[in-house]
Amino acid sequence: MSASRGEGSVSGMSWTERAADRSPLMQRSRSRNVRQMQIMVEAAKRLIAQKGYGFTTQELAREAGVALQTFYRHFGGKDQLLLATIEDLHATTAAGYAKAARDLPDPLARLHYYVTTALAGLDEADAQGPRFITAEHWRLHQMFPEEMTLAAQPTVDLFARELRSAQEQGLIAPSDVDRSAELMVMLVRAVYHHYAFKAKTEPAAAIAEHVWELCLQGVGGRIDRPGRAGQDDDTPGGGVAMSPS
């Protein structure tokens, strides 16, 4: 089942708040700690784009413009920094997807956008990004299983919101919205990780459409042929497989 969303629960906290709670030093000023951690996470993103995992904490401190001892006051080590970075990537990506898809006509169109956009990165000429995400995700998941599950919660919540809306509109009939959202995210992640290392025999867009059809059928949606996944063209869910222009 998905993580609890109750008030005061760990899953209701932002990645910066959870990272602050993991800080080796008892923070005197949470807001100052959060600002410094954000600076270091942004520096980590830049180094990852340049080098993948192969940067040192000394390089990170230089890139962030902080002393090495400042880094260790906020993070127990490089793995804790990468964990915070992955949490931030999940949160910012989910927010970006929601903003980009907000003008699409119905919840299934938005879900289709989320699924296909997530897999579009597999066509990047530089495979370093997908491979870094794949390798580090599973390595960190072994070390921090609960934290890595919580890291994905913004994406799961995004999917659940659209699934619930589609259910209310009579477009789909999932038995458990939250569980369906969690499994859809797991499926997209598994496909992404698989093709990060395996040579593709078809474009990422085609792979994404197959995944979307499987997801849609799994929650009781219809696949119209010829054409793409969705309801009848004159219903709110019609043409849901079309990406935004």
Protein backbone atom coordinates (compact mmCIF):
# COMPACT_ATOMS: atom_id res chain seq x y z
CA MET A 1 0.00 0.00 0.00
CA SER A 2 1.10 3.56 -0.52
CA ALA A 3 2.73 5.51 2.29
CA SER A 4 0.51 7.21 4.81
CA ARG A 5 -0.49 10.75 4.02
CA GLY A 6 -1.74 11.63 7.47
CA GLU A 7 -1.02 15.00 9.02
CA GLY A 8 2.32 14.96 10.77
CA SER A 9 3.41 11.77 9.01
CA VAL A 10 6.87 11.40 7.53
CA SER A 11 5.41 11.20 4.00
CA GLY A 12 3.76 14.61 4.49
CA MET A 13 7.16 16.23 4.84
CA SER A 14 9.16 17.70 1.97
CA TRP A 15 12.50 16.16 0.95
CA THR A 16 14.33 19.10 2.52
CA GLU A 17 12.59 18.56 5.85
CA ARG A 18 13.40 14.85 5.83
CA ALA A 19 17.01 15.60 4.88
CA ALA A 20 17.20 18.10 7.73
CA ASP A 21 15.95 15.44 10.12
CA ARG A 22 18.73 13.12 8.89
CA SER A 23 21.39 15.78 9.45
CA PRO A 24 24.14 14.62 11.82
CA LEU A 25 24.01 17.97 13.57
CA MET A 26 20.96 19.13 15.54
CA GLN A 27 19.92 22.14 13.49
CA ARG A 28 19.62 25.46 15.25
CA SER A 29 17.96 27.08 12.31
CA ARG A 30 15.92 24.84 10.03
CA SER A 31 15.46 27.53 7.39
CA ARG A 32 19.22 28.13 7.16
CA ASN A 33 19.87 24.39 6.96
CA VAL A 34 17.28 24.02 4.23
CA ARG A 35 18.83 26.82 2.16
CA GLN A 36 22.28 25.29 2.44
CA MET A 37 21.02 21.82 1.55
CA GLN A 38 19.21 23.21 -1.49
CA ILE A 39 22.45 24.85 -2.66
CA MET A 40 24.32 21.56 -2.29
CA VAL A 41 21.61 19.52 -4.02
CA GLU A 42 21.62 21.92 -6.98
CA ALA A 43 25.42 21.59 -7.12
CA ALA A 44 25.05 17.80 -7.08
CA LYS A 45 22.66 17.98 -10.05
CA ARG A 46 25.21 19.96 -12.03
CA LEU A 47 28.01 17.51 -11.22
CA ILE A 48 25.80 14.51 -12.03
CA ALA A 49 25.08 16.02 -15.46
CA GLN A 50 28.83 16.39 -16.01
CA LYS A 51 30.23 13.25 -14.39
CA GLY A 52 27.47 10.92 -13.30
CA TYR A 53 28.26 9.39 -9.92
CA GLY A 54 31.99 10.06 -10.26
CA PHE A 55 32.42 13.21 -8.23
CA THR A 56 33.94 13.59 -4.79
CA THR A 57 32.59 15.40 -1.76
CA GLN A 58 35.45 17.86 -2.15
CA GLU A 59 34.29 18.65 -5.70
CA LEU A 60 30.74 19.00 -4.45
CA ALA A 61 31.80 21.47 -1.76
CA ARG A 62 33.70 23.54 -4.32
CA GLU A 63 30.79 23.51 -6.75
CA ALA A 64 28.36 24.55 -4.01
CA GLY A 65 30.71 27.18 -2.61
CA VAL A 66 30.66 25.73 0.90
CA ALA A 67 33.31 24.37 3.24
CA LEU A 68 33.67 20.58 3.40
CA GLN A 69 32.77 20.67 7.08
CA THR A 70 29.52 22.44 6.12
CA PHE A 71 28.69 19.54 3.82
CA TYR A 72 29.21 17.02 6.62
CA ARG A 73 27.12 19.06 9.03
CA HIS A 74 24.13 18.54 6.76
CA PHE A 75 24.76 15.16 5.15
CA GLY A 76 26.27 12.04 6.65
CA GLY A 77 28.04 11.39 3.36
CA LYS A 78 27.64 11.29 -0.39
CA ASP A 79 24.86 8.69 -0.28
CA GLN A 80 22.71 10.94 1.90
CA LEU A 81 23.29 13.77 -0.56
CA LEU A 82 22.26 11.57 -3.50
CA LEU A 83 19.16 10.47 -1.61
CA ALA A 84 18.15 14.11 -1.09
CA THR A 85 18.89 14.82 -4.76
CA ILE A 86 16.64 11.99 -5.93
CA GLU A 87 13.88 13.19 -3.59
CA ASP A 88 14.18 16.67 -5.06
CA LEU A 89 14.12 15.34 -8.62
CA HIS A 90 10.89 13.44 -7.91
CA ALA A 91 9.23 16.49 -6.39
CA THR A 92 10.28 18.94 -9.10
CA THR A 93 9.50 16.50 -11.92
CA ALA A 94 6.00 15.79 -10.57
CA ALA A 95 5.33 19.52 -10.24
CA GLY A 96 6.62 20.11 -13.77
CA TYR A 97 4.43 17.36 -15.23
CA ALA A 98 1.35 18.75 -13.49
CA LYS A 99 2.03 22.24 -14.82
CA ALA A 100 2.74 21.06 -18.37
CA ALA A 101 -0.41 18.91 -18.55
CA ARG A 102 -2.86 21.21 -16.79
CA ASP A 103 -4.54 22.36 -20.02
CA LEU A 104 -5.11 18.86 -21.38
CA PRO A 105 -8.82 18.02 -21.70
CA ASP A 106 -9.31 15.25 -19.14
CA PRO A 107 -7.52 13.16 -16.48
CA LEU A 108 -6.71 10.30 -18.84
CA ALA A 109 -5.04 12.68 -21.25
CA ARG A 110 -2.94 13.97 -18.37
CA LEU A 111 -2.07 10.45 -17.22
CA HIS A 112 -1.02 9.57 -20.74
CA TYR A 113 1.23 12.61 -20.77
CA TYR A 114 2.87 11.60 -17.48
CA VAL A 115 3.56 8.03 -18.62
CA THR A 116 4.89 8.86 -22.08
CA THR A 117 6.93 11.87 -20.98
CA ALA A 118 8.62 9.85 -18.23
CA LEU A 119 9.79 7.31 -20.83
CA ALA A 120 10.73 9.85 -23.51
CA GLY A 121 14.15 10.35 -21.88
CA LEU A 122 15.17 6.91 -23.10
CA ASP A 123 15.75 8.43 -26.54
CA GLU A 124 18.42 10.81 -25.22
CA ALA A 125 21.65 10.57 -27.19
CA ASP A 126 23.61 10.59 -23.93
CA ALA A 127 22.60 7.52 -21.90
CA GLN A 128 24.50 8.71 -18.83
CA GLY A 129 21.45 10.28 -17.20
CA PRO A 130 19.11 7.25 -17.41
CA ARG A 131 21.91 4.89 -16.42
CA PHE A 132 22.91 6.98 -13.44
CA ILE A 133 19.30 7.15 -12.23
CA THR A 134 18.86 3.40 -12.66
CA ALA A 135 22.07 2.34 -10.96
CA GLU A 136 21.77 4.77 -8.07
CA HIS A 137 18.07 4.12 -7.52
CA TRP A 138 18.55 0.43 -6.79
CA ARG A 139 21.75 0.89 -4.83
CA LEU A 140 20.15 3.51 -2.59
CA HIS A 141 16.92 1.51 -2.34
CA GLN A 142 18.87 -1.30 -0.67
CA MET A 143 20.30 1.16 1.86
CA PHE A 144 17.29 3.43 2.40
CA PRO A 145 14.16 1.48 1.35
CA GLU A 146 11.67 3.56 3.31
CA GLU A 147 13.20 6.88 2.26
CA MET A 148 13.34 5.86 -1.41
CA THR A 149 9.68 4.82 -1.28
CA LEU A 150 8.79 8.19 0.20
CA ALA A 151 10.90 9.94 -2.43
CA ALA A 152 8.57 8.65 -5.15
CA GLN A 153 5.42 9.75 -3.30
CA PRO A 154 4.95 13.04 -5.24
CA THR A 155 4.77 11.04 -8.47
CA VAL A 156 2.42 8.46 -6.96
CA ASP A 157 0.20 11.24 -5.63
CA LEU A 158 0.15 12.88 -9.07
CA PHE A 159 -1.02 9.65 -10.70
CA ALA A 160 -3.55 8.97 -7.94
CA ARG A 161 -5.13 12.41 -8.34
CA GLU A 162 -5.80 11.83 -12.04
CA LEU A 163 -6.95 8.25 -11.50
CA ARG A 164 -9.43 9.41 -8.87
CA SER A 165 -10.72 12.14 -11.15
CA ALA A 166 -11.09 9.70 -14.05
CA GLN A 167 -12.94 7.28 -11.78
CA GLU A 168 -15.34 10.01 -10.68
CA GLN A 169 -16.03 10.81 -14.35
CA GLY A 170 -16.77 7.17 -15.10
CA LEU A 171 -13.81 6.79 -17.46
CA ILE A 172 -12.13 3.95 -15.55
CA ALA A 173 -12.97 1.51 -12.75
CA PRO A 174 -9.90 0.77 -10.60
CA SER A 175 -10.44 -1.43 -7.55
CA ASP A 176 -8.03 0.67 -5.47
CA VAL A 177 -6.95 4.09 -6.76
CA ASP A 178 -3.91 4.53 -4.51
CA ARG A 179 -2.63 1.01 -5.12
CA SER A 180 -3.18 1.39 -8.87
CA ALA A 181 -1.21 4.65 -8.88
CA GLU A 182 1.65 3.05 -6.98
CA LEU A 183 1.81 0.08 -9.37
CA MET A 184 1.62 2.30 -12.45
CA VAL A 185 4.60 4.30 -11.21
CA MET A 186 6.47 1.06 -10.46
CA LEU A 187 5.79 -0.22 -13.98
CA VAL A 188 6.97 2.99 -15.65
CA ARG A 189 10.08 2.97 -13.46
CA ALA A 190 10.84 -0.68 -14.24
CA VAL A 191 10.57 -0.10 -18.01
CA TYR A 192 12.74 3.01 -17.76
CA HIS A 193 15.39 1.13 -15.79
CA HIS A 194 15.31 -1.83 -18.19
CA TYR A 195 15.89 0.23 -21.32
CA ALA A 196 18.47 2.48 -19.68
CA PHE A 197 20.98 -0.32 -20.33
CA LYS A 198 19.34 -2.51 -22.98
CA ALA A 199 19.46 -1.48 -26.63
CA LYS A 200 15.96 -0.56 -27.83
CA THR A 201 14.47 -2.29 -30.89
CA GLU A 202 11.81 0.42 -31.26
CA PRO A 203 11.58 4.12 -30.42
CA ALA A 204 10.92 5.19 -26.86
CA ALA A 205 7.59 6.68 -27.98
CA ALA A 206 6.38 3.26 -29.16
CA ILE A 207 7.49 1.61 -25.92
CA ALA A 208 5.71 4.34 -23.96
CA GLU A 209 2.45 3.75 -25.86
CA HIS A 210 2.57 0.03 -25.06
CA VAL A 211 3.12 0.82 -21.39
CA TRP A 212 0.27 3.34 -21.43
CA GLU A 213 -2.14 0.84 -22.99
CA LEU A 214 -1.25 -1.72 -20.34
CA CYS A 215 -1.77 0.86 -17.59
CA LEU A 216 -5.10 2.00 -19.02
CA GLN A 217 -6.47 -1.50 -19.42
CA GLY A 218 -5.31 -2.37 -15.92
CA VAL A 219 -7.64 0.25 -14.43
CA GLY A 220 -10.60 -0.62 -16.64
CA GLY A 221 -10.05 1.86 -19.47
CA ARG A 222 -10.84 1.11 -23.10
CA ILE A 223 -8.48 0.77 -26.04
CA ASP A 224 -10.10 2.03 -29.24
CA ARG A 225 -8.77 0.75 -32.57
CA PRO A 226 -7.84 1.97 -35.07
CA GLY A 227 -6.27 4.84 -33.21
CA ARG A 228 -4.96 5.11 -29.71
CA ALA A 229 -5.92 4.38 -26.15
CA GLY A 230 -9.01 6.08 -24.79
CA GLN A 231 -12.76 6.24 -24.76
CA ASP A 232 -15.00 7.02 -27.72
CA ASP A 233 -13.94 10.19 -29.51
CA ASP A 234 -17.11 12.01 -28.46
CA THR A 235 -16.60 11.31 -24.76
CA PRO A 236 -14.39 13.26 -22.33
CA GLY A 237 -11.72 10.55 -22.50
CA GLY A 238 -11.54 10.47 -26.30
CA GLY A 239 -8.12 10.84 -27.87
CA VAL A 240 -6.33 10.55 -24.56
CA ALA A 241 -3.20 9.17 -26.19
CA MET A 242 -2.39 12.45 -27.90
CA SER A 243 0.52 14.36 -26.40
CA PRO A 244 0.13 18.14 -25.97
CA SER A 245 1.32 20.19 -28.88
